């Protein structure tokens, strides 16, 4: 029978004052969420819904919590060990990036920002405290150990705020101005919110996509003009609507010009 790995992520919080229960639980919930996200987005690991971090042990003195992935079925034996160590490294790269100590090695989304912020929150709120991360296992010689104090934790949170703003600005940049829009499908019932589809080659060549309008006046101007909208091209400003980074619709914000299809 194959021996189970003792891959562990130990987190030691040297606190100076009592930690609020919600801050403590939010921190470890965020760790679990980020671990699952890390595995699910990494092609090197085979993942199923049972892959989670579990609290194996809580020691006295400082708040020392030993976390492990107890699901060798979810992650094969060797991968199971490597994944916990890799996650410990992943956390360090992320914290160091938000701290301004290293370059970005991967893209972070708003969920990552929330998780990293919540992980470090108990330390950021407790002046003079420290948090120590140690990743090790019994079949790997590699051990990773690093720590952050409360001043660094606050700086990390400030870096996360900047990252959030940058992400929101990127979302705003989903505005596309003066692109050519052609109707692929229109509904006779102008009151219908569904069924109208357009093609905007500048964004997705040849792909029909749902279209909505910023207000009813603009919708009537385009869909209920004197001419059939399928016979015209429209020079418009649109906002790209996405779900899980996939384009699901365009929202027309402004009509600049109507061009007959020759």
Protein backbone atom coordinates (compact mmCIF):
# COMPACT_ATOMS: atom_id res chain seq x y z
CA UNK A 1 0.00 0.00 0.00
CA UNK A 2 1.36 3.37 -0.98
CA UNK A 3 2.40 5.59 1.93
CA UNK A 4 0.45 8.83 2.22
CA UNK A 5 2.46 12.02 1.97
CA UNK A 6 2.73 14.26 5.01
CA UNK A 7 2.74 17.41 2.93
CA UNK A 8 1.90 20.30 5.28
CA UNK A 9 1.46 24.04 5.19
CA UNK A 10 2.07 25.36 8.69
CA UNK A 11 0.94 28.89 9.50
CA UNK A 12 2.13 30.51 12.71
CA UNK A 13 0.52 33.77 13.83
CA UNK A 14 2.51 35.62 16.51
CA UNK A 15 -0.26 37.95 17.61
CA UNK A 16 0.00 40.85 20.03
CA UNK A 17 -3.72 41.14 20.72
CA UNK A 18 -6.73 38.90 20.49
CA UNK A 19 -7.81 38.08 16.94
CA UNK A 20 -11.46 38.47 16.00
CA UNK A 21 -13.07 35.12 15.20
CA UNK A 22 -14.38 36.38 11.84
CA UNK A 23 -10.92 37.60 10.80
CA UNK A 24 -9.42 34.22 11.77
CA UNK A 25 -12.06 32.15 9.97
CA UNK A 26 -12.05 34.44 6.91
CA UNK A 27 -8.27 34.04 6.69
CA UNK A 28 -8.38 30.24 6.58
CA UNK A 29 -11.45 30.15 4.37
CA UNK A 30 -9.55 32.38 1.91
CA UNK A 31 -6.57 30.01 2.08
CA UNK A 32 -8.81 27.09 1.16
CA UNK A 33 -10.46 29.02 -1.64
CA UNK A 34 -7.14 30.10 -3.11
CA UNK A 35 -5.72 26.58 -2.84
CA UNK A 36 -8.64 25.15 -4.81
CA UNK A 37 -8.36 27.97 -7.36
CA UNK A 38 -4.60 27.39 -7.65
CA UNK A 39 -5.10 23.68 -8.38
CA UNK A 40 -8.03 24.15 -10.74
CA UNK A 41 -6.12 26.64 -12.89
CA UNK A 42 -2.88 24.63 -12.96
CA UNK A 43 -2.70 21.98 -15.72
CA UNK A 44 -0.02 20.07 -13.78
CA UNK A 45 -2.51 18.81 -11.22
CA UNK A 46 -5.45 16.45 -11.64
CA UNK A 47 -8.25 17.88 -9.57
CA UNK A 48 -11.66 16.81 -8.38
CA UNK A 49 -14.19 18.42 -6.07
CA UNK A 50 -12.66 16.73 -2.98
CA UNK A 51 -9.35 18.62 -3.18
CA UNK A 52 -9.29 20.89 -0.13
CA UNK A 53 -7.00 22.06 2.63
CA UNK A 54 -7.87 20.69 6.05
CA UNK A 55 -6.80 21.82 9.51
CA UNK A 56 -4.82 18.87 10.86
CA UNK A 57 -3.52 20.37 14.08
CA UNK A 58 -3.68 23.56 16.15
CA UNK A 59 -0.81 24.03 18.63
CA UNK A 60 -0.67 26.09 21.80
CA UNK A 61 1.39 29.23 22.37
CA UNK A 62 1.23 31.31 19.24
CA UNK A 63 -1.60 30.40 16.90
CA UNK A 64 0.09 27.59 14.97
CA UNK A 65 -2.18 25.87 12.45
CA UNK A 66 -1.06 22.88 10.40
CA UNK A 67 -2.92 22.50 7.10
CA UNK A 68 -2.75 19.54 4.78
CA UNK A 69 -4.52 18.15 1.73
CA UNK A 70 -5.95 14.84 2.92
CA UNK A 71 -7.18 13.74 -0.50
CA UNK A 72 -4.57 11.56 -2.24
CA UNK A 73 -7.43 10.25 -4.38
CA UNK A 74 -8.03 13.75 -5.70
CA UNK A 75 -4.34 14.34 -6.33
CA UNK A 76 -2.03 11.40 -7.08
CA UNK A 77 0.60 10.57 -4.43
CA UNK A 78 3.60 12.48 -5.76
CA UNK A 79 1.51 15.35 -7.13
CA UNK A 80 -0.20 15.62 -3.75
CA UNK A 81 3.12 16.40 -2.08
CA UNK A 82 4.36 18.75 -4.77
CA UNK A 83 1.05 20.66 -4.86
CA UNK A 84 1.22 21.77 -1.23
CA UNK A 85 4.82 22.95 -1.61
CA UNK A 86 3.99 24.64 -4.91
CA UNK A 87 1.05 26.40 -3.24
CA UNK A 88 3.30 27.66 -0.46
CA UNK A 89 5.59 29.11 -3.14
CA UNK A 90 2.60 30.53 -5.00
CA UNK A 91 1.48 32.39 -1.87
CA UNK A 92 4.96 33.86 -1.41
CA UNK A 93 5.16 35.06 -5.02
CA UNK A 94 1.73 36.67 -4.64
CA UNK A 95 2.46 38.41 -1.34
CA UNK A 96 5.85 39.63 -2.60
CA UNK A 97 4.23 41.01 -5.76
CA UNK A 98 1.57 42.93 -3.82
CA UNK A 99 4.32 44.10 -1.47
CA UNK A 100 6.28 45.49 -4.44
CA UNK A 101 9.26 43.19 -3.90
CA UNK A 102 8.96 41.17 -7.11
CA UNK A 103 7.62 41.29 -10.65
CA UNK A 104 4.22 39.83 -11.53
CA UNK A 105 4.65 36.24 -12.72
CA UNK A 106 0.96 35.62 -13.38
CA UNK A 107 -2.32 37.49 -13.67
CA UNK A 108 -4.52 37.91 -10.61
CA UNK A 109 -8.27 38.47 -10.71
CA UNK A 110 -10.64 40.05 -8.18
CA UNK A 111 -11.15 36.69 -6.41
CA UNK A 112 -7.40 36.37 -5.92
CA UNK A 113 -7.28 39.90 -4.51
CA UNK A 114 -10.04 39.08 -2.02
CA UNK A 115 -8.37 35.84 -0.93
CA UNK A 116 -4.89 37.31 -0.50
CA UNK A 117 -6.36 40.27 1.41
CA UNK A 118 -8.31 38.03 3.79
CA UNK A 119 -5.37 35.69 4.39
CA UNK A 120 -3.17 38.53 5.63
CA UNK A 121 -5.94 40.55 7.35
CA UNK A 122 -5.41 39.32 10.96
CA UNK A 123 -1.78 40.51 10.84
CA UNK A 124 -2.53 43.82 9.13
CA UNK A 125 -4.94 44.69 11.95
CA UNK A 126 -2.51 43.77 14.77
CA UNK A 127 0.50 46.10 15.13
CA UNK A 128 3.71 44.26 15.97
CA UNK A 129 2.40 40.84 14.95
CA UNK A 130 3.92 38.40 12.44
CA UNK A 131 2.75 35.54 10.26
CA UNK A 132 5.08 32.67 9.29
CA UNK A 133 4.41 30.23 6.43
CA UNK A 134 6.24 26.89 6.27
CA UNK A 135 5.67 24.30 3.56
CA UNK A 136 7.26 20.87 3.88
CA UNK A 137 6.61 17.16 3.39
CA UNK A 138 8.23 13.83 4.26
CA UNK A 139 9.15 12.78 0.72
CA UNK A 140 10.51 16.08 -0.58
CA UNK A 141 13.77 17.63 0.57
CA UNK A 142 12.48 21.09 -0.27
CA UNK A 143 11.14 23.21 2.58
CA UNK A 144 9.91 26.75 2.09
CA UNK A 145 9.74 29.22 4.97
CA UNK A 146 8.90 32.94 4.94
CA UNK A 147 7.16 35.52 7.12
CA UNK A 148 5.58 38.98 7.06
CA UNK A 149 5.15 41.48 9.86
CA UNK A 150 2.18 43.79 10.39
CA UNK A 151 3.84 46.70 8.52
CA UNK A 152 4.42 44.46 5.50
CA UNK A 153 0.89 43.07 5.80
CA UNK A 154 -0.52 46.60 5.56
CA UNK A 155 1.71 47.27 2.55
CA UNK A 156 0.44 44.05 0.94
CA UNK A 157 -3.15 45.22 1.44
CA UNK A 158 -2.28 48.58 -0.14
CA UNK A 159 -0.81 46.72 -3.12
CA UNK A 160 -4.00 44.68 -3.40
CA UNK A 161 -6.06 47.90 -3.48
CA UNK A 162 -3.94 49.13 -6.41
CA UNK A 163 -4.36 45.79 -8.19
CA UNK A 164 -8.14 45.97 -7.74
CA UNK A 165 -8.21 49.46 -9.24
CA UNK A 166 -6.10 48.29 -12.19
CA UNK A 167 -8.46 45.36 -12.76
CA UNK A 168 -11.50 47.65 -12.67
CA UNK A 169 -9.83 50.01 -15.16
CA UNK A 170 -9.22 47.00 -17.41
CA UNK A 171 -12.90 46.13 -17.19
CA UNK A 172 -13.78 49.72 -18.13
CA UNK A 173 -11.46 49.38 -21.13
CA UNK A 174 -13.94 46.83 -22.45
CA UNK A 175 -15.56 49.86 -24.03
CA UNK A 176 -14.99 49.83 -27.79
CA UNK A 177 -15.61 53.02 -29.71
CA UNK A 178 -16.69 53.43 -33.33
CA UNK A 179 -16.86 49.78 -34.34
CA UNK A 180 -18.97 48.45 -37.22
CA UNK A 181 -21.95 46.38 -36.10
CA UNK A 182 -24.08 44.23 -38.41
CA UNK A 183 -27.25 42.43 -37.37
CA UNK A 184 -27.25 38.65 -37.61
CA UNK A 185 -30.74 38.22 -36.18
CA UNK A 186 -33.53 40.57 -35.09
CA UNK A 187 -36.82 40.03 -33.28
CA UNK A 188 -40.01 41.59 -34.58
CA UNK A 189 -41.11 42.30 -31.01
CA UNK A 190 -39.07 45.36 -30.03
CA UNK A 191 -39.98 44.84 -26.38
CA UNK A 192 -38.11 41.54 -26.28
CA UNK A 193 -34.81 41.63 -24.40
CA UNK A 194 -33.62 38.41 -26.03
CA UNK A 195 -33.02 37.17 -29.53
CA UNK A 196 -31.29 40.14 -31.15
CA UNK A 197 -27.79 39.16 -32.28
CA UNK A 198 -25.05 41.10 -34.04
CA UNK A 199 -21.60 40.54 -35.49
CA UNK A 200 -18.74 42.94 -34.73
CA UNK A 201 -15.70 41.70 -36.64
CA UNK A 202 -13.36 44.12 -34.87
CA UNK A 203 -14.05 42.21 -31.63
CA UNK A 204 -14.95 38.65 -32.70
CA UNK A 205 -14.73 38.00 -36.40
CA UNK A 206 -17.80 36.21 -37.78
CA UNK A 207 -19.27 35.36 -34.37
CA UNK A 208 -22.87 36.34 -33.64
CA UNK A 209 -23.42 37.70 -30.13
CA UNK A 210 -26.39 38.90 -28.10
CA UNK A 211 -26.92 42.65 -28.18
CA UNK A 212 -28.60 45.02 -25.72
CA UNK A 213 -28.99 48.79 -25.64
CA UNK A 214 -28.21 51.41 -23.03
CA UNK A 215 -31.77 52.80 -23.22
CA UNK A 216 -35.07 52.29 -25.01
CA UNK A 217 -34.66 55.39 -27.16
CA UNK A 218 -31.47 54.08 -28.74
CA UNK A 219 -33.02 50.64 -29.16
CA UNK A 220 -36.01 52.10 -31.04
CA UNK A 221 -33.76 54.29 -33.21
CA UNK A 222 -31.82 51.28 -34.45
CA UNK A 223 -34.45 48.53 -34.51
CA UNK A 224 -37.58 50.49 -35.38
CA UNK A 225 -36.35 53.04 -37.88
CA UNK A 226 -37.90 53.48 -41.27
CA UNK A 227 -35.65 50.82 -42.82
CA UNK A 228 -34.96 47.16 -42.08
CA UNK A 229 -31.97 47.07 -39.67
CA UNK A 230 -30.65 43.96 -41.42
CA UNK A 231 -29.91 46.11 -44.48
CA UNK A 232 -27.58 48.48 -42.64
CA UNK A 233 -24.28 48.63 -40.82
CA UNK A 234 -24.04 50.67 -37.64
CA UNK A 235 -21.04 52.63 -36.40
CA UNK A 236 -21.42 52.36 -32.63
CA UNK A 237 -19.76 52.48 -29.22
CA UNK A 238 -20.29 49.25 -27.30
CA UNK A 239 -19.42 47.81 -23.92
CA UNK A 240 -18.36 44.17 -23.93
CA UNK A 241 -20.23 42.09 -21.34
CA UNK A 242 -18.36 39.01 -20.10
CA UNK A 243 -18.95 36.03 -17.81
CA UNK A 244 -15.86 34.11 -16.65
CA UNK A 245 -13.82 36.11 -19.19
CA UNK A 246 -16.05 34.92 -22.06
CA UNK A 247 -17.91 37.47 -24.18
CA UNK A 248 -21.66 36.93 -23.78
CA UNK A 249 -23.14 40.20 -25.09
CA UNK A 250 -22.55 43.69 -26.41
CA UNK A 251 -24.30 46.70 -24.90
CA UNK A 252 -24.69 49.52 -27.44
CA UNK A 253 -23.98 52.87 -25.81
CA UNK A 254 -24.01 55.29 -28.73
CA UNK A 255 -24.88 55.38 -32.44
CA UNK A 256 -22.54 57.47 -34.59
CA UNK A 257 -23.66 56.65 -38.10
CA UNK A 258 -25.92 54.35 -40.13
CA UNK A 259 -24.41 52.90 -43.31
CA UNK A 260 -26.39 51.06 -46.02
CA UNK A 261 -25.08 47.65 -47.01
CA UNK A 262 -24.22 47.80 -50.70
